[in-house]
Every structure is written in C-alpha cells, then in structure tokens.
C-alpha cells in the first residue's frame, strides 16, 4: 500500500458505492441515460467507478463497452482498498495485506469489473437484449455521513427502499 493511496485511507473519504444492474430488451437505451449520468457527474453528485455494458444481438453475438471516471492509479487504489477490506474479513491483518495486493493487481487495467463479470452478464441475458452493471459512488452522501460522524452518530441501517417493497408492506398490512 502506497502512502496516500485509497488502500490506506479511511473509508470515510469515499462515498457510498452502489451496484446498479439494469437490463433492456433490444437496445432501448434511447440516448437518455448517459447524458443524465454525465450531468450528475458534472454536478459532483456521483462518480462512475466502473461501468460494464453487454449487448447480445439476436444471433447471440456479444459486444462489450466499458467506462470509468477513475484514472489508472485511482482504479488501482480503489481495487487495493476493496481487496484489503475483503482480505481483512477473511484473514485479519495478513489477509488485508494480501487482499490489497490482489485488488490492486485485478484493477490495474483501470476497471473493477472484468471479463468474468462480462461473461456472467452475457450468460444471464437472453439474445436480443442489453444489460449494464454500474458501480456508482454517491459523492453527495460524503458530507452528510461526515456530519453524522462529527455528531458521534453511527449508521444503524442503510438500505434503498424500492416502490415494490412499499407495495409489499401495504399487502402485508391488508392481510
């Protein structure tokens, strides 16, 4: 781990990271998603850690597109940081050191998502469809999280509430 790298920075310097997976029949992207993402990035609301888009045409041929806002160094640091956390959980301090090395190596190409992820996504979608996995850092949440920490608050629960879950709550309460 190099001095000042993400692998030895406390997690508070990163915003929460969301893994968003979406699928589309055909190629119905309509040109709206990327401009919206660009606008949010320019406003400092989000940062795209990695994006993997897989298109499988009707014959089963696969096209892959990737994107990231990270530099090669940032991607390596992010991979080292994630690897260190996973390694710490798996095998303590020794695991953290090894995990940081593996994570940095795995993301040395500038991407966290790799060919294995690409093939898994391609296998998961039918022919004539498109799917994407995006790792999105929520930059807007950093100041709020830091304010909670300064007030000695602790995060008890953090989850996204989806409309379908509200419907399920309503259904359960009607029974």
C-alpha atoms as a PDB file:
ATOM      1  CA  UNK A   1       0.000   0.000   0.000  1.00  0.00           C
ATOM      2  CA  UNK A   2       1.469   3.298  -1.045  1.00  0.00           C
ATOM      3  CA  UNK A   3       1.285   6.380   1.139  1.00  0.00           C
ATOM      4  CA  UNK A   4      -1.828   8.381   0.438  1.00  0.00           C
ATOM      5  CA  UNK A   5      -3.439   5.644  -1.629  1.00  0.00           C
ATOM      6  CA  UNK A   6      -7.069   4.643  -1.278  1.00  0.00           C
ATOM      7  CA  UNK A   7      -5.926   1.374   0.271  1.00  0.00           C
ATOM      8  CA  UNK A   8      -4.698   3.158   3.402  1.00  0.00           C
ATOM      9  CA  UNK A   9      -7.249   5.970   3.505  1.00  0.00           C
ATOM     10  CA  UNK A  10     -10.122   5.568   5.915  1.00  0.00           C
ATOM     11  CA  UNK A  11     -13.407   4.587   4.245  1.00  0.00           C
ATOM     12  CA  UNK A  12     -14.867   7.987   5.125  1.00  0.00           C
ATOM     13  CA  UNK A  13     -13.033   9.512   2.149  1.00  0.00           C
ATOM     14  CA  UNK A  14     -15.176   7.511  -0.273  1.00  0.00           C
ATOM     15  CA  UNK A  15     -18.874   7.981  -0.736  1.00  0.00           C
ATOM     16  CA  UNK A  16     -21.216   5.011  -0.545  1.00  0.00           C
ATOM     17  CA  UNK A  17     -20.878   2.794  -3.603  1.00  0.00           C
ATOM     18  CA  UNK A  18     -23.995   1.422  -5.266  1.00  0.00           C
ATOM     19  CA  UNK A  19     -24.005  -1.590  -7.556  1.00  0.00           C
ATOM     20  CA  UNK A  20     -26.734  -0.924 -10.099  1.00  0.00           C
ATOM     21  CA  UNK A  21     -27.633  -3.619 -12.621  1.00  0.00           C
ATOM     22  CA  UNK A  22     -30.182  -2.866 -15.341  1.00  0.00           C
ATOM     23  CA  UNK A  23     -31.411  -4.762 -18.385  1.00  0.00           C
ATOM     24  CA  UNK A  24     -33.172  -3.695 -21.561  1.00  0.00           C
ATOM     25  CA  UNK A  25     -34.986  -5.557 -24.280  1.00  0.00           C
ATOM     26  CA  UNK A  26     -33.116  -4.953 -27.503  1.00  0.00           C
ATOM     27  CA  UNK A  27     -31.153  -1.727 -27.347  1.00  0.00           C
ATOM     28  CA  UNK A  28     -33.831   0.589 -25.925  1.00  0.00           C
ATOM     29  CA  UNK A  29     -31.393   2.950 -24.266  1.00  0.00           C
ATOM     30  CA  UNK A  30     -32.861   5.956 -26.141  1.00  0.00           C
ATOM     31  CA  UNK A  31     -29.793   8.118 -25.517  1.00  0.00           C
ATOM     32  CA  UNK A  32     -31.036   9.490 -22.186  1.00  0.00           C
ATOM     33  CA  UNK A  33     -29.084   7.541 -19.583  1.00  0.00           C
ATOM     34  CA  UNK A  34     -25.502   8.611 -20.330  1.00  0.00           C
ATOM     35  CA  UNK A  35     -26.344  12.345 -20.643  1.00  0.00           C
ATOM     36  CA  UNK A  36     -28.186  12.130 -17.297  1.00  0.00           C
ATOM     37  CA  UNK A  37     -25.213  10.377 -15.717  1.00  0.00           C
ATOM     38  CA  UNK A  38     -22.844  12.989 -17.187  1.00  0.00           C
ATOM     39  CA  UNK A  39     -24.958  15.801 -15.722  1.00  0.00           C
ATOM     40  CA  UNK A  40     -24.917  14.187 -12.270  1.00  0.00           C
ATOM     41  CA  UNK A  41     -21.154  13.687 -12.532  1.00  0.00           C
ATOM     42  CA  UNK A  42     -20.579  17.341 -13.518  1.00  0.00           C
ATOM     43  CA  UNK A  43     -22.670  18.439 -10.531  1.00  0.00           C
ATOM     44  CA  UNK A  44     -20.500  16.321  -8.226  1.00  0.00           C
ATOM     45  CA  UNK A  45     -23.463  14.175  -7.197  1.00  0.00           C
ATOM     46  CA  UNK A  46     -21.984  10.859  -8.372  1.00  0.00           C
ATOM     47  CA  UNK A  47     -18.772   9.399  -9.744  1.00  0.00           C
ATOM     48  CA  UNK A  48     -18.698   6.398 -12.047  1.00  0.00           C
ATOM     49  CA  UNK A  49     -16.266   3.904 -10.573  1.00  0.00           C
ATOM     50  CA  UNK A  50     -16.920   1.382 -13.318  1.00  0.00           C
ATOM     51  CA  UNK A  51     -19.478   0.618 -15.992  1.00  0.00           C
ATOM     52  CA  UNK A  52     -19.870  -2.589 -17.952  1.00  0.00           C
ATOM     53  CA  UNK A  53     -22.442  -2.758 -20.768  1.00  0.00           C
ATOM     54  CA  UNK A  54     -23.089  -6.052 -22.543  1.00  0.00           C
ATOM     55  CA  UNK A  55     -25.220  -6.256 -25.680  1.00  0.00           C
ATOM     56  CA  UNK A  56     -26.249  -9.654 -27.035  1.00  0.00           C
ATOM     57  CA  UNK A  57     -27.785  -9.451 -30.500  1.00  0.00           C
ATOM     58  CA  UNK A  58     -30.422 -11.814 -31.834  1.00  0.00           C
ATOM     59  CA  UNK A  59     -27.744 -14.197 -33.153  1.00  0.00           C
ATOM     60  CA  UNK A  60     -26.048 -14.342 -29.736  1.00  0.00           C
ATOM     61  CA  UNK A  61     -23.043 -12.194 -30.758  1.00  0.00           C
ATOM     62  CA  UNK A  62     -21.775 -10.154 -27.820  1.00  0.00           C
ATOM     63  CA  UNK A  63     -20.486  -6.579 -27.744  1.00  0.00           C
ATOM     64  CA  UNK A  64     -18.966  -5.144 -24.566  1.00  0.00           C
ATOM     65  CA  UNK A  65     -18.480  -1.496 -23.642  1.00  0.00           C
ATOM     66  CA  UNK A  66     -16.771  -0.179 -20.514  1.00  0.00           C
ATOM     67  CA  UNK A  67     -16.303   3.240 -18.928  1.00  0.00           C
ATOM     68  CA  UNK A  68     -14.899   4.725 -15.732  1.00  0.00           C
ATOM     69  CA  UNK A  69     -14.182   8.121 -14.188  1.00  0.00           C
ATOM     70  CA  UNK A  70     -11.129   6.754 -12.372  1.00  0.00           C
ATOM     71  CA  UNK A  71      -7.561   7.190 -13.515  1.00  0.00           C
ATOM     72  CA  UNK A  72      -5.430   4.041 -13.652  1.00  0.00           C
ATOM     73  CA  UNK A  73      -3.877   4.998 -10.314  1.00  0.00           C
ATOM     74  CA  UNK A  74      -7.287   5.643  -8.713  1.00  0.00           C
ATOM     75  CA  UNK A  75      -8.611   2.316 -10.026  1.00  0.00           C
ATOM     76  CA  UNK A  76      -5.573   0.511  -8.598  1.00  0.00           C
ATOM     77  CA  UNK A  77      -6.013   2.288  -5.267  1.00  0.00           C
ATOM     78  CA  UNK A  78      -9.743   1.503  -5.203  1.00  0.00           C
ATOM     79  CA  UNK A  79      -9.049  -2.164  -6.006  1.00  0.00           C
ATOM     80  CA  UNK A  80      -6.403  -2.282  -3.269  1.00  0.00           C
ATOM     81  CA  UNK A  81      -8.786  -0.717  -0.765  1.00  0.00           C
ATOM     82  CA  UNK A  82     -11.610  -3.160  -1.570  1.00  0.00           C
ATOM     83  CA  UNK A  83      -9.178  -6.085  -1.595  1.00  0.00           C
ATOM     84  CA  UNK A  84      -7.791  -5.046   1.782  1.00  0.00           C
ATOM     85  CA  UNK A  85     -11.266  -4.932   3.317  1.00  0.00           C
ATOM     86  CA  UNK A  86     -12.224  -8.345   1.923  1.00  0.00           C
ATOM     87  CA  UNK A  87      -8.854  -9.769   2.990  1.00  0.00           C
ATOM     88  CA  UNK A  88      -9.212  -8.298   6.478  1.00  0.00           C
ATOM     89  CA  UNK A  89     -12.526 -10.102   6.877  1.00  0.00           C
ATOM     90  CA  UNK A  90     -11.125 -13.340   5.501  1.00  0.00           C
ATOM     91  CA  UNK A  91      -7.814 -13.500   7.368  1.00  0.00           C
ATOM     92  CA  UNK A  92      -7.156 -10.465   9.567  1.00  0.00           C
ATOM     93  CA  UNK A  93      -4.120  -8.239   9.023  1.00  0.00           C
ATOM     94  CA  UNK A  94      -2.328 -10.816   6.870  1.00  0.00           C
ATOM     95  CA  UNK A  95      -5.391 -11.163   4.685  1.00  0.00           C
ATOM     96  CA  UNK A  96      -5.698  -7.372   4.399  1.00  0.00           C
ATOM     97  CA  UNK A  97      -2.136  -7.024   3.099  1.00  0.00           C
ATOM     98  CA  UNK A  98      -2.580  -9.857   0.599  1.00  0.00           C
ATOM     99  CA  UNK A  99      -6.038  -8.631  -0.403  1.00  0.00           C
ATOM    100  CA  UNK A 100      -4.675  -5.153  -1.126  1.00  0.00           C
ATOM    101  CA  UNK A 101      -2.085  -6.606  -3.493  1.00  0.00           C
ATOM    102  CA  UNK A 102      -4.606  -8.823  -5.258  1.00  0.00           C
ATOM    103  CA  UNK A 103      -7.167  -5.993  -5.503  1.00  0.00           C
ATOM    104  CA  UNK A 104      -4.614  -3.580  -6.949  1.00  0.00           C
ATOM    105  CA  UNK A 105      -3.497  -6.182  -9.471  1.00  0.00           C
ATOM    106  CA  UNK A 106      -7.063  -7.030 -10.514  1.00  0.00           C
ATOM    107  CA  UNK A 107      -7.886  -3.363 -11.178  1.00  0.00           C
ATOM    108  CA  UNK A 108      -4.574  -2.429 -12.830  1.00  0.00           C
ATOM    109  CA  UNK A 109      -6.325  -2.153 -16.209  1.00  0.00           C
ATOM    110  CA  UNK A 110      -8.449   0.700 -14.848  1.00  0.00           C
ATOM    111  CA  UNK A 111     -11.579  -1.367 -14.229  1.00  0.00           C
ATOM    112  CA  UNK A 112     -13.019  -3.171 -11.258  1.00  0.00           C
ATOM    113  CA  UNK A 113     -15.441  -5.206 -13.379  1.00  0.00           C
ATOM    114  CA  UNK A 114     -13.615  -7.729 -15.549  1.00  0.00           C
ATOM    115  CA  UNK A 115     -14.008 -10.342 -18.288  1.00  0.00           C
ATOM    116  CA  UNK A 116     -15.523 -12.808 -15.816  1.00  0.00           C
ATOM    117  CA  UNK A 117     -18.219 -10.241 -14.962  1.00  0.00           C
ATOM    118  CA  UNK A 118     -18.722  -9.597 -18.660  1.00  0.00           C
ATOM    119  CA  UNK A 119     -19.258 -13.273 -19.441  1.00  0.00           C
ATOM    120  CA  UNK A 120     -21.545 -13.754 -16.425  1.00  0.00           C
ATOM    121  CA  UNK A 121     -23.680 -10.820 -17.544  1.00  0.00           C
ATOM    122  CA  UNK A 122     -23.772 -12.119 -21.130  1.00  0.00           C
ATOM    123  CA  UNK A 123     -24.820 -15.558 -19.880  1.00  0.00           C
ATOM    124  CA  UNK A 124     -27.579 -14.019 -17.743  1.00  0.00           C
ATOM    125  CA  UNK A 125     -29.360 -12.151 -20.540  1.00  0.00           C
ATOM    126  CA  UNK A 126     -31.303 -13.515 -23.488  1.00  0.00           C
ATOM    127  CA  UNK A 127     -30.329 -12.857 -27.089  1.00  0.00           C
ATOM    128  CA  UNK A 128     -31.620  -9.519 -28.344  1.00  0.00           C
ATOM    129  CA  UNK A 129     -31.037  -7.658 -25.081  1.00  0.00           C
ATOM    130  CA  UNK A 130     -28.640  -5.326 -23.308  1.00  0.00           C
ATOM    131  CA  UNK A 131     -27.572  -5.237 -19.657  1.00  0.00           C
ATOM    132  CA  UNK A 132     -25.295  -2.997 -17.643  1.00  0.00           C
ATOM    133  CA  UNK A 133     -23.590  -3.075 -14.268  1.00  0.00           C
ATOM    134  CA  UNK A 134     -22.558   0.287 -12.847  1.00  0.00           C
ATOM    135  CA  UNK A 135     -20.528   0.932  -9.708  1.00  0.00           C
ATOM    136  CA  UNK A 136     -21.648   4.419  -8.716  1.00  0.00           C
ATOM    137  CA  UNK A 137     -20.077   6.393  -5.893  1.00  0.00           C
ATOM    138  CA  UNK A 138     -22.599   8.710  -4.264  1.00  0.00           C
ATOM    139  CA  UNK A 139     -20.457  11.797  -3.675  1.00  0.00           C
ATOM    140  CA  UNK A 140     -23.414  13.788  -2.286  1.00  0.00           C
ATOM    141  CA  UNK A 141     -23.542  11.491   0.770  1.00  0.00           C
ATOM    142  CA  UNK A 142     -19.984  12.171   1.963  1.00  0.00           C
ATOM    143  CA  UNK A 143     -20.741  15.471   3.716  1.00  0.00           C
ATOM    144  CA  UNK A 144     -23.897  14.071   5.321  1.00  0.00           C
ATOM    145  CA  UNK A 145     -22.064  10.963   6.565  1.00  0.00           C
ATOM    146  CA  UNK A 146     -19.230  13.132   7.906  1.00  0.00           C
ATOM    147  CA  UNK A 147     -21.711  15.412   9.722  1.00  0.00           C
ATOM    148  CA  UNK A 148     -23.312  12.370  11.360  1.00  0.00           C
ATOM    149  CA  UNK A 149     -19.851  11.145  12.418  1.00  0.00           C
ATOM    150  CA  UNK A 150     -18.921  14.551  13.883  1.00  0.00           C
ATOM    151  CA  UNK A 151     -22.096  14.331  15.975  1.00  0.00           C
ATOM    152  CA  UNK A 152     -20.906  10.904  17.195  1.00  0.00           C
ATOM    153  CA  UNK A 153     -23.721   9.225  15.289  1.00  0.00           C
ATOM    154  CA  UNK A 154     -23.384   5.709  13.964  1.00  0.00           C
ATOM    155  CA  UNK A 155     -25.033   4.143  10.974  1.00  0.00           C
ATOM    156  CA  UNK A 156     -27.535   1.570  12.167  1.00  0.00           C
ATOM    157  CA  UNK A 157     -29.128   0.668   8.832  1.00  0.00           C
ATOM    158  CA  UNK A 158     -28.531   1.725   5.260  1.00  0.00           C
ATOM    159  CA  UNK A 159     -30.687   0.353   2.500  1.00  0.00           C
ATOM    160  CA  UNK A 160     -32.518   1.531  -0.586  1.00  0.00           C
ATOM    161  CA  UNK A 161     -36.289   1.356  -0.363  1.00  0.00           C
ATOM    162  CA  UNK A 162     -37.878   0.362  -3.659  1.00  0.00           C
ATOM    163  CA  UNK A 163     -41.517   1.075  -4.647  1.00  0.00           C
ATOM    164  CA  UNK A 164     -42.265  -2.667  -4.869  1.00  0.00           C
ATOM    165  CA  UNK A 165     -41.249  -3.023  -1.208  1.00  0.00           C
ATOM    166  CA  UNK A 166     -43.797  -0.363  -0.220  1.00  0.00           C
ATOM    167  CA  UNK A 167     -46.466  -2.286  -2.115  1.00  0.00           C
ATOM    168  CA  UNK A 168     -45.436  -5.454  -0.263  1.00  0.00           C
ATOM    169  CA  UNK A 169     -45.736  -3.602   3.061  1.00  0.00           C
ATOM    170  CA  UNK A 170     -49.221  -2.484   2.084  1.00  0.00           C
ATOM    171  CA  UNK A 171     -50.204  -6.001   1.033  1.00  0.00           C
ATOM    172  CA  UNK A 172     -48.888  -7.450   4.289  1.00  0.00           C
ATOM    173  CA  UNK A 173     -50.776  -4.892   6.387  1.00  0.00           C
ATOM    174  CA  UNK A 174     -54.027  -5.573   4.499  1.00  0.00           C
ATOM    175  CA  UNK A 175     -53.913  -9.268   5.394  1.00  0.00           C
END
